[in-house]
Amino acid sequence: MTITSDPLFGMVMENKAICLELINRALPRLRATQIVQLVTQKDINVAAARRVRYDVYVRDEHGNIIVIEMQVADKQNLPYRLRYYQEQIDHGVLLPGKNYQDLGDHPTYVIMFCDFDYYGRGWARYTFENTCRRDPTLKLGDQRTVVVFNALAKKFKKDEEPIKDFLALMRNQVDNKSKFITTIQDEIARVKQDPERRRGFMKFELELMDARAAGIKEGMKKGEAKGKIEGIHALIHTLRALDIDEAVIKQKVMSSFNLSEQEATQYLKDTKD
């Protein structure tokens, strides 16, 4: 598992010093000095609304709310996901009886680290705020900011240099000269050596794969055979990344997709080629 894995990323970010450093590299103008609230895998479950789980939810000493997400798959819905995330953040801030003005005490920032270039400009960082179309210098003033990082970027502006080594780490390119990256690597090693945490993120991945398998099964009812194959391959690759024994993987594939032992064996063989 690497830093781009949701559970591992969250566990590393539980280290407040690392999390604060990453925030200030991603949002250099924020200049946060203290984290007063940090929650990983934070559930937001509003009645009659889709459930949201943030990878990392932070509140700093100034009341700023920062949500950090790791996105490794381009599902072609990034703007709408960001729109919904920001709405859900406000649900947790504006409680019944509160005034809309109270939102002004909590500027929100959603940071999305992507291992793909959703907007296709080749930029390392895309920053969005609501502005007037007639005069872009006129801000809406809702204090909402979205920052999308592209780990595939090759060129960096001066103010993007601090985040460059982290984006490289997302691609498994480790800068051993970077003290920040070394600290992250040490934390990753510490987390992986912790038996309780290792069981935790293994369970998380298995539950995630079960959910994906359930979705593929539903798709199969509609004749989406291609989806089933992709789901089986995804399950095998994930379990292998967790160093799960091949015999256990075979049993998991058979039970998740209702396959015979011969079929499961063939899929295991195909994914090794």
C-alpha atoms as a PDB file:
ATOM      1  CA  MET A   1       0.000   0.000   0.000  1.00  0.00           C
ATOM      2  CA  THR A   2       1.236   3.488  -0.861  1.00  0.00           C
ATOM      3  CA  ILE A   3       0.363   7.025   0.196  1.00  0.00           C
ATOM      4  CA  THR A   4      -2.426   7.060  -2.412  1.00  0.00           C
ATOM      5  CA  SER A   5      -4.323   4.304  -0.578  1.00  0.00           C
ATOM      6  CA  ASP A   6      -7.209   5.886   1.348  1.00  0.00           C
ATOM      7  CA  PRO A   7      -6.725   4.115   4.694  1.00  0.00           C
ATOM      8  CA  LEU A   8      -2.936   4.510   4.696  1.00  0.00           C
ATOM      9  CA  PHE A   9      -3.138   8.162   3.669  1.00  0.00           C
ATOM     10  CA  GLY A  10      -5.586   8.818   6.499  1.00  0.00           C
ATOM     11  CA  MET A  11      -3.423   7.044   9.063  1.00  0.00           C
ATOM     12  CA  VAL A  12      -0.350   9.027   8.032  1.00  0.00           C
ATOM     13  CA  MET A  13      -2.330  12.269   8.224  1.00  0.00           C
ATOM     14  CA  GLU A  14      -3.250  11.442  11.830  1.00  0.00           C
ATOM     15  CA  ASN A  15       0.228  12.738  12.560  1.00  0.00           C
ATOM     16  CA  LYS A  16      -0.663  16.411  13.092  1.00  0.00           C
ATOM     17  CA  ALA A  17       2.810  17.682  12.231  1.00  0.00           C
ATOM     18  CA  ILE A  18       2.742  15.943   8.847  1.00  0.00           C
ATOM     19  CA  CYS A  19      -0.841  17.000   8.155  1.00  0.00           C
ATOM     20  CA  LEU A  20      -0.126  20.640   9.038  1.00  0.00           C
ATOM     21  CA  GLU A  21       2.962  20.673   6.831  1.00  0.00           C
ATOM     22  CA  LEU A  22       1.018  19.234   3.891  1.00  0.00           C
ATOM     23  CA  ILE A  23      -1.758  21.805   4.313  1.00  0.00           C
ATOM     24  CA  ASN A  24       0.677  24.700   4.328  1.00  0.00           C
ATOM     25  CA  ARG A  25       2.455  23.362   1.263  1.00  0.00           C
ATOM     26  CA  ALA A  26      -0.862  22.967  -0.531  1.00  0.00           C
ATOM     27  CA  LEU A  27      -2.269  26.300   0.710  1.00  0.00           C
ATOM     28  CA  PRO A  28       0.771  28.543   1.271  1.00  0.00           C
ATOM     29  CA  ARG A  29      -1.366  31.639   1.818  1.00  0.00           C
ATOM     30  CA  LEU A  30      -3.281  30.029   4.670  1.00  0.00           C
ATOM     31  CA  ARG A  31      -0.274  29.867   7.019  1.00  0.00           C
ATOM     32  CA  ALA A  32      -1.949  27.615   9.566  1.00  0.00           C
ATOM     33  CA  THR A  33       0.062  27.140  12.762  1.00  0.00           C
ATOM     34  CA  GLN A  34      -2.128  24.753  14.736  1.00  0.00           C
ATOM     35  CA  ILE A  35      -4.639  21.975  14.138  1.00  0.00           C
ATOM     36  CA  VAL A  36      -7.408  22.084  16.733  1.00  0.00           C
ATOM     37  CA  GLN A  37      -9.482  19.260  15.206  1.00  0.00           C
ATOM     38  CA  LEU A  38      -8.351  16.391  13.005  1.00  0.00           C
ATOM     39  CA  VAL A  39     -10.585  13.491  11.965  1.00  0.00           C
ATOM     40  CA  THR A  40      -9.749  10.870   9.348  1.00  0.00           C
ATOM     41  CA  GLN A  41     -12.398   8.881   7.469  1.00  0.00           C
ATOM     42  CA  LYS A  42     -14.965  11.354   8.804  1.00  0.00           C
ATOM     43  CA  ASP A  43     -18.547  10.360   8.033  1.00  0.00           C
ATOM     44  CA  ILE A  44     -21.096  13.017   7.081  1.00  0.00           C
ATOM     45  CA  ASN A  45     -24.541  11.480   7.008  1.00  0.00           C
ATOM     46  CA  VAL A  46     -27.328  14.011   6.473  1.00  0.00           C
ATOM     47  CA  ALA A  47     -30.892  12.668   6.459  1.00  0.00           C
ATOM     48  CA  ALA A  48     -32.253  12.035   2.953  1.00  0.00           C
ATOM     49  CA  ALA A  49     -28.837  12.754   1.417  1.00  0.00           C
ATOM     50  CA  ARG A  50     -25.973  10.679   0.083  1.00  0.00           C
ATOM     51  CA  ARG A  51     -23.410   9.735   2.709  1.00  0.00           C
ATOM     52  CA  VAL A  52     -19.967  11.341   2.484  1.00  0.00           C
ATOM     53  CA  ARG A  53     -16.719  10.117   4.020  1.00  0.00           C
ATOM     54  CA  TYR A  54     -13.822  12.582   3.994  1.00  0.00           C
ATOM     55  CA  ASP A  55     -10.289  11.170   3.983  1.00  0.00           C
ATOM     56  CA  VAL A  56      -9.099  13.971   6.256  1.00  0.00           C
ATOM     57  CA  TYR A  57     -11.113  16.709   7.989  1.00  0.00           C
ATOM     58  CA  VAL A  58      -9.200  19.518   9.726  1.00  0.00           C
ATOM     59  CA  ARG A  59     -10.063  22.707  11.588  1.00  0.00           C
ATOM     60  CA  ASP A  60      -7.224  25.127  12.309  1.00  0.00           C
ATOM     61  CA  GLU A  61      -6.806  27.772  14.999  1.00  0.00           C
ATOM     62  CA  HIS A  62      -8.551  30.408  12.872  1.00  0.00           C
ATOM     63  CA  GLY A  63     -11.686  28.329  12.268  1.00  0.00           C
ATOM     64  CA  ASN A  64     -10.729  27.396   8.712  1.00  0.00           C
ATOM     65  CA  ILE A  65     -12.063  23.995   7.675  1.00  0.00           C
ATOM     66  CA  ILE A  66      -9.843  21.970   5.381  1.00  0.00           C
ATOM     67  CA  VAL A  67     -10.914  18.698   3.771  1.00  0.00           C
ATOM     68  CA  ILE A  68      -8.163  16.671   2.091  1.00  0.00           C
ATOM     69  CA  GLU A  69      -8.995  13.902  -0.365  1.00  0.00           C
ATOM     70  CA  MET A  70      -6.873  11.393  -2.260  1.00  0.00           C
ATOM     71  CA  GLN A  71      -8.411  10.543  -5.648  1.00  0.00           C
ATOM     72  CA  VAL A  72      -6.742   7.786  -7.663  1.00  0.00           C
ATOM     73  CA  ALA A  73      -9.488   7.002 -10.180  1.00  0.00           C
ATOM     74  CA  ASP A  74     -10.867   9.464 -12.709  1.00  0.00           C
ATOM     75  CA  LYS A  75     -14.602   8.813 -12.550  1.00  0.00           C
ATOM     76  CA  GLN A  76     -15.390  11.843 -14.743  1.00  0.00           C
ATOM     77  CA  ASN A  77     -17.376  13.506 -11.964  1.00  0.00           C
ATOM     78  CA  LEU A  78     -14.775  15.518 -10.055  1.00  0.00           C
ATOM     79  CA  PRO A  79     -16.521  18.958 -10.220  1.00  0.00           C
ATOM     80  CA  TYR A  80     -19.791  17.514  -8.971  1.00  0.00           C
ATOM     81  CA  ARG A  81     -18.078  15.572  -6.200  1.00  0.00           C
ATOM     82  CA  LEU A  82     -16.392  18.792  -5.083  1.00  0.00           C
ATOM     83  CA  ARG A  83     -19.673  20.678  -5.213  1.00  0.00           C
ATOM     84  CA  TYR A  84     -21.321  18.089  -2.981  1.00  0.00           C
ATOM     85  CA  TYR A  85     -18.396  17.951  -0.562  1.00  0.00           C
ATOM     86  CA  GLN A  86     -18.534  21.687   0.022  1.00  0.00           C
ATOM     87  CA  GLU A  87     -22.269  21.552   0.644  1.00  0.00           C
ATOM     88  CA  GLN A  88     -21.821  18.779   3.211  1.00  0.00           C
ATOM     89  CA  ILE A  89     -19.114  20.737   5.033  1.00  0.00           C
ATOM     90  CA  ASP A  90     -21.598  23.566   5.611  1.00  0.00           C
ATOM     91  CA  HIS A  91     -24.179  21.109   6.936  1.00  0.00           C
ATOM     92  CA  GLY A  92     -21.778  20.337   9.760  1.00  0.00           C
ATOM     93  CA  VAL A  93     -21.174  24.020  10.512  1.00  0.00           C
ATOM     94  CA  LEU A  94     -24.566  25.704  10.251  1.00  0.00           C
ATOM     95  CA  LEU A  95     -26.611  24.045  12.966  1.00  0.00           C
ATOM     96  CA  PRO A  96     -30.328  24.731  13.554  1.00  0.00           C
ATOM     97  CA  GLY A  97     -30.899  28.220  14.893  1.00  0.00           C
ATOM     98  CA  LYS A  98     -27.632  29.568  13.531  1.00  0.00           C
ATOM     99  CA  ASN A  99     -27.384  32.567  11.198  1.00  0.00           C
ATOM    100  CA  TYR A 100     -25.977  32.296   7.680  1.00  0.00           C
ATOM    101  CA  GLN A 101     -23.408  34.886   8.724  1.00  0.00           C
ATOM    102  CA  ASP A 102     -21.886  32.277  11.024  1.00  0.00           C
ATOM    103  CA  LEU A 103     -20.482  30.511   7.947  1.00  0.00           C
ATOM    104  CA  GLY A 104     -18.142  33.468   7.598  1.00  0.00           C
ATOM    105  CA  ASP A 105     -16.289  32.263  10.683  1.00  0.00           C
ATOM    106  CA  HIS A 106     -15.356  29.070   8.873  1.00  0.00           C
ATOM    107  CA  PRO A 107     -13.813  29.541   5.413  1.00  0.00           C
ATOM    108  CA  THR A 108     -13.684  26.155   3.689  1.00  0.00           C
ATOM    109  CA  TYR A 109     -10.946  24.586   1.607  1.00  0.00           C
ATOM    110  CA  VAL A 110     -11.251  21.295  -0.248  1.00  0.00           C
ATOM    111  CA  ILE A 111      -7.905  19.901  -1.380  1.00  0.00           C
ATOM    112  CA  MET A 112      -8.079  17.082  -3.917  1.00  0.00           C
ATOM    113  CA  PHE A 113      -4.873  15.189  -4.718  1.00  0.00           C
ATOM    114  CA  CYS A 114      -5.365  13.398  -8.055  1.00  0.00           C
ATOM    115  CA  ASP A 115      -3.035  11.029  -9.873  1.00  0.00           C
ATOM    116  CA  PHE A 116      -4.560  12.235 -13.146  1.00  0.00           C
ATOM    117  CA  ASP A 117      -4.940  15.616 -14.853  1.00  0.00           C
ATOM    118  CA  TYR A 118      -8.705  16.131 -14.843  1.00  0.00           C
ATOM    119  CA  TYR A 119      -8.618  19.568 -16.493  1.00  0.00           C
ATOM    120  CA  GLY A 120      -5.943  18.699 -19.046  1.00  0.00           C
ATOM    121  CA  ARG A 121      -3.835  21.866 -18.805  1.00  0.00           C
ATOM    122  CA  GLY A 122      -0.748  20.179 -17.414  1.00  0.00           C
ATOM    123  CA  TRP A 123      -0.769  22.444 -14.352  1.00  0.00           C
ATOM    124  CA  ALA A 124       0.315  21.127 -10.982  1.00  0.00           C
ATOM    125  CA  ARG A 125      -2.355  23.070  -9.117  1.00  0.00           C
ATOM    126  CA  TYR A 126      -5.808  24.286 -10.132  1.00  0.00           C
ATOM    127  CA  THR A 127      -7.386  26.774  -7.702  1.00  0.00           C
ATOM    128  CA  PHE A 128     -11.056  27.688  -7.934  1.00  0.00           C
ATOM    129  CA  GLU A 129     -13.074  30.418  -6.239  1.00  0.00           C
ATOM    130  CA  ASN A 130     -16.452  31.884  -7.165  1.00  0.00           C
ATOM    131  CA  THR A 131     -15.999  35.070  -9.191  1.00  0.00           C
ATOM    132  CA  CYS A 132     -18.104  37.372 -11.361  1.00  0.00           C
ATOM    133  CA  ARG A 133     -18.062  36.503 -15.083  1.00  0.00           C
ATOM    134  CA  ARG A 134     -18.275  40.166 -16.033  1.00  0.00           C
ATOM    135  CA  ASP A 135     -15.392  41.156 -13.782  1.00  0.00           C
ATOM    136  CA  PRO A 136     -13.236  38.210 -12.587  1.00  0.00           C
ATOM    137  CA  THR A 137     -11.633  40.445  -9.952  1.00  0.00           C
ATOM    138  CA  LEU A 138     -15.026  40.664  -8.225  1.00  0.00           C
ATOM    139  CA  LYS A 139     -15.316  37.797  -5.746  1.00  0.00           C
ATOM    140  CA  LEU A 140     -18.593  36.287  -4.614  1.00  0.00           C
ATOM    141  CA  GLY A 141     -17.180  36.362  -1.102  1.00  0.00           C
ATOM    142  CA  ASP A 142     -18.520  32.993   0.090  1.00  0.00           C
ATOM    143  CA  GLN A 143     -15.027  32.031   1.336  1.00  0.00           C
ATOM    144  CA  ARG A 144     -15.044  28.670  -0.419  1.00  0.00           C
ATOM    145  CA  THR A 145     -11.888  27.474  -2.153  1.00  0.00           C
ATOM    146  CA  VAL A 146     -11.204  24.292  -4.104  1.00  0.00           C
ATOM    147  CA  VAL A 147      -7.663  23.204  -4.944  1.00  0.00           C
ATOM    148  CA  VAL A 148      -7.058  20.275  -7.292  1.00  0.00           C
ATOM    149  CA  PHE A 149      -3.539  18.867  -7.628  1.00  0.00           C
ATOM    150  CA  ASN A 150      -2.289  16.928 -10.622  1.00  0.00           C
ATOM    151  CA  ALA A 151       0.379  14.380  -9.678  1.00  0.00           C
ATOM    152  CA  LEU A 152       1.304  13.960 -13.357  1.00  0.00           C
ATOM    153  CA  ALA A 153       2.495  17.574 -13.725  1.00  0.00           C
ATOM    154  CA  LYS A 154       6.000  18.125 -15.066  1.00  0.00           C
ATOM    155  CA  LYS A 155       6.253  21.899 -14.732  1.00  0.00           C
ATOM    156  CA  PHE A 156       5.854  23.849 -11.514  1.00  0.00           C
ATOM    157  CA  LYS A 157       5.487  27.533 -10.717  1.00  0.00           C
ATOM    158  CA  LYS A 158       7.607  28.952  -7.920  1.00  0.00           C
ATOM    159  CA  ASP A 159       4.803  28.759  -5.345  1.00  0.00           C
ATOM    160  CA  GLU A 160       4.092  25.140  -6.377  1.00  0.00           C
ATOM    161  CA  GLU A 161       7.607  23.881  -5.650  1.00  0.00           C
ATOM    162  CA  PRO A 162       6.831  23.013  -1.987  1.00  0.00           C
ATOM    163  CA  ILE A 163       4.239  20.444  -3.056  1.00  0.00           C
ATOM    164  CA  LYS A 164       6.324  18.965  -5.868  1.00  0.00           C
ATOM    165  CA  ASP A 165       7.978  16.241  -3.799  1.00  0.00           C
ATOM    166  CA  PHE A 166       4.633  15.078  -2.375  1.00  0.00           C
ATOM    167  CA  LEU A 167       3.132  14.771  -5.857  1.00  0.00           C
ATOM    168  CA  ALA A 168       6.212  12.766  -6.841  1.00  0.00           C
ATOM    169  CA  LEU A 169       5.615  10.491  -3.843  1.00  0.00           C
ATOM    170  CA  MET A 170       2.116   9.822  -5.169  1.00  0.00           C
ATOM    171  CA  ARG A 171       3.847   8.374  -8.227  1.00  0.00           C
ATOM    172  CA  ASN A 172       6.151   6.295  -5.978  1.00  0.00           C
ATOM    173  CA  GLN A 173       9.099   8.566  -6.736  1.00  0.00           C
ATOM    174  CA  VAL A 174      10.785   9.201  -3.400  1.00  0.00           C
ATOM    175  CA  ASP A 175      12.990  12.266  -2.902  1.00  0.00           C
ATOM    176  CA  ASN A 176      15.391  11.120  -0.179  1.00  0.00           C
ATOM    177  CA  LYS A 177      16.785  14.647   0.093  1.00  0.00           C
ATOM    178  CA  SER A 178      13.415  15.994   1.229  1.00  0.00           C
ATOM    179  CA  LYS A 179      13.062  16.006   5.006  1.00  0.00           C
ATOM    180  CA  PHE A 180       9.273  16.174   4.624  1.00  0.00           C
ATOM    181  CA  ILE A 181       9.124  13.089   2.415  1.00  0.00           C
ATOM    182  CA  THR A 182      11.504  11.213   4.707  1.00  0.00           C
ATOM    183  CA  THR A 183       9.196  12.008   7.624  1.00  0.00           C
ATOM    184  CA  ILE A 184       6.209  10.682   5.666  1.00  0.00           C
ATOM    185  CA  GLN A 185       8.098   7.516   4.700  1.00  0.00           C
ATOM    186  CA  ASP A 186       9.059   6.931   8.335  1.00  0.00           C
ATOM    187  CA  GLU A 187       5.419   7.359   9.353  1.00  0.00           C
ATOM    188  CA  ILE A 188       4.271   4.932   6.650  1.00  0.00           C
ATOM    189  CA  ALA A 189       6.758   2.352   7.931  1.00  0.00           C
ATOM    190  CA  ARG A 190       5.562   2.903  11.514  1.00  0.00           C
ATOM    191  CA  VAL A 191       1.922   2.486  10.502  1.00  0.00           C
ATOM    192  CA  LYS A 192       2.615  -0.682   8.528  1.00  0.00           C
ATOM    193  CA  GLN A 193       4.490  -2.190  11.462  1.00  0.00           C
ATOM    194  CA  ASP A 194       1.569  -1.569  13.816  1.00  0.00           C
ATOM    195  CA  PRO A 195      -0.413  -4.865  13.824  1.00  0.00           C
ATOM    196  CA  GLU A 196      -3.670  -3.215  14.884  1.00  0.00           C
ATOM    197  CA  ARG A 197      -3.506  -0.559  12.183  1.00  0.00           C
ATOM    198  CA  ARG A 198      -2.493  -3.078   9.559  1.00  0.00           C
ATOM    199  CA  ARG A 199      -5.539  -5.164  10.380  1.00  0.00           C
ATOM    200  CA  GLY A 200      -7.602  -2.002  10.191  1.00  0.00           C
ATOM    201  CA  PHE A 201      -6.625  -1.006   6.687  1.00  0.00           C
ATOM    202  CA  MET A 202      -6.729  -4.580   5.451  1.00  0.00           C
ATOM    203  CA  LYS A 203     -10.304  -4.780   6.716  1.00  0.00           C
ATOM    204  CA  PHE A 204     -11.070  -1.444   5.045  1.00  0.00           C
ATOM    205  CA  GLU A 205      -9.760  -2.650   1.694  1.00  0.00           C
ATOM    206  CA  LEU A 206     -11.639  -5.932   1.950  1.00  0.00           C
ATOM    207  CA  GLU A 207     -14.872  -4.093   2.739  1.00  0.00           C
ATOM    208  CA  LEU A 208     -14.221  -1.771  -0.186  1.00  0.00           C
ATOM    209  CA  MET A 209     -13.705  -4.705  -2.496  1.00  0.00           C
ATOM    210  CA  ASP A 210     -16.884  -6.336  -1.194  1.00  0.00           C
ATOM    211  CA  ALA A 211     -18.777  -3.151  -2.015  1.00  0.00           C
ATOM    212  CA  ARG A 212     -17.270  -3.053  -5.496  1.00  0.00           C
ATOM    213  CA  ALA A 213     -18.089  -6.707  -6.004  1.00  0.00           C
ATOM    214  CA  ALA A 214     -21.686  -6.056  -4.990  1.00  0.00           C
ATOM    215  CA  GLY A 215     -21.851  -3.240  -7.512  1.00  0.00           C
ATOM    216  CA  ILE A 216     -20.450  -5.443 -10.250  1.00  0.00           C
ATOM    217  CA  LYS A 217     -22.981  -8.140  -9.423  1.00  0.00           C
ATOM    218  CA  GLU A 218     -25.753  -5.608  -9.805  1.00  0.00           C
ATOM    219  CA  GLY A 219     -24.281  -4.557 -13.125  1.00  0.00           C
ATOM    220  CA  MET A 220     -24.173  -8.152 -14.255  1.00  0.00           C
ATOM    221  CA  LYS A 221     -27.921  -8.360 -13.804  1.00  0.00           C
ATOM    222  CA  LYS A 222     -28.085  -5.738 -16.527  1.00  0.00           C
ATOM    223  CA  GLY A 223     -25.714  -7.652 -18.796  1.00  0.00           C
ATOM    224  CA  GLU A 224     -22.496  -5.735 -18.057  1.00  0.00           C
ATOM    225  CA  ALA A 225     -20.076  -8.643 -18.500  1.00  0.00           C
ATOM    226  CA  LYS A 226     -17.109  -6.326 -19.012  1.00  0.00           C
ATOM    227  CA  GLY A 227     -17.755  -4.762 -15.635  1.00  0.00           C
ATOM    228  CA  LYS A 228     -17.577  -8.144 -13.946  1.00  0.00           C
ATOM    229  CA  ILE A 229     -14.165  -8.907 -15.412  1.00  0.00           C
ATOM    230  CA  GLU A 230     -12.815  -5.489 -14.383  1.00  0.00           C
ATOM    231  CA  GLY A 231     -14.207  -5.994 -10.887  1.00  0.00           C
ATOM    232  CA  ILE A 232     -12.545  -9.393 -10.542  1.00  0.00           C
ATOM    233  CA  HIS A 233      -9.205  -7.995 -11.706  1.00  0.00           C
ATOM    234  CA  ALA A 234      -9.490  -5.037  -9.300  1.00  0.00           C
ATOM    235  CA  LEU A 235     -10.183  -7.364  -6.380  1.00  0.00           C
ATOM    236  CA  ILE A 236      -7.209  -9.604  -7.205  1.00  0.00           C
ATOM    237  CA  HIS A 237      -4.791  -6.685  -7.631  1.00  0.00           C
ATOM    238  CA  THR A 238      -5.874  -5.082  -4.353  1.00  0.00           C
ATOM    239  CA  LEU A 239      -5.578  -8.276  -2.320  1.00  0.00           C
ATOM    240  CA  ARG A 240      -2.150  -8.976  -3.788  1.00  0.00           C
ATOM    241  CA  ALA A 241      -1.055  -5.464  -2.850  1.00  0.00           C
ATOM    242  CA  LEU A 242      -2.003  -6.388   0.721  1.00  0.00           C
ATOM    243  CA  ASP A 243       0.239  -9.477   0.539  1.00  0.00           C
ATOM    244  CA  ILE A 244      -2.742 -11.796   0.964  1.00  0.00           C
ATOM    245  CA  ASP A 245      -2.020 -15.464   0.323  1.00  0.00           C
ATOM    246  CA  GLU A 246      -3.044 -16.655  -3.156  1.00  0.00           C
ATOM    247  CA  ALA A 247      -5.286 -19.363  -1.719  1.00  0.00           C
ATOM    248  CA  VAL A 248      -7.184 -16.770   0.309  1.00  0.00           C
ATOM    249  CA  ILE A 249      -7.478 -14.536  -2.757  1.00  0.00           C
ATOM    250  CA  LYS A 250      -8.927 -17.417  -4.741  1.00  0.00           C
ATOM    251  CA  GLN A 251     -11.559 -18.074  -2.091  1.00  0.00           C
ATOM    252  CA  LYS A 252     -12.428 -14.361  -1.909  1.00  0.00           C
ATOM    253  CA  VAL A 253     -12.847 -14.169  -5.692  1.00  0.00           C
ATOM    254  CA  MET A 254     -14.971 -17.296  -5.778  1.00  0.00           C
ATOM    255  CA  SER A 255     -17.306 -16.098  -3.013  1.00  0.00           C
ATOM    256  CA  SER A 256     -17.553 -12.493  -4.242  1.00  0.00           C
ATOM    257  CA  PHE A 257     -18.345 -13.362  -7.857  1.00  0.00           C
ATOM    258  CA  ASN A 258     -19.865 -16.835  -7.525  1.00  0.00           C
ATOM    259  CA  LEU A 259     -17.111 -18.475  -9.572  1.00  0.00           C
ATOM    260  CA  SER A 260     -15.993 -22.064  -9.749  1.00  0.00           C
ATOM    261  CA  GLU A 261     -12.512 -22.948  -8.547  1.00  0.00           C
ATOM    262  CA  GLN A 262     -11.400 -23.452 -12.155  1.00  0.00           C
ATOM    263  CA  GLU A 263     -12.690 -20.019 -13.182  1.00  0.00           C
ATOM    264  CA  ALA A 264     -11.036 -18.315 -10.208  1.00  0.00           C
ATOM    265  CA  THR A 265      -7.740 -20.076 -10.942  1.00  0.00           C
ATOM    266  CA  GLN A 266      -7.832 -18.826 -14.527  1.00  0.00           C
ATOM    267  CA  TYR A 267      -8.457 -15.227 -13.416  1.00  0.00           C
ATOM    268  CA  LEU A 268      -5.532 -15.449 -10.995  1.00  0.00           C
ATOM    269  CA  LYS A 269      -3.337 -16.721 -13.807  1.00  0.00           C
ATOM    270  CA  ASP A 270      -4.513 -14.034 -16.259  1.00  0.00           C
ATOM    271  CA  THR A 271      -3.651 -11.212 -13.848  1.00  0.00           C
ATOM    272  CA  LYS A 272      -0.100 -12.474 -13.472  1.00  0.00           C
ATOM    273  CA  ASP A 273       0.645 -12.383 -17.201  1.00  0.00           C
END
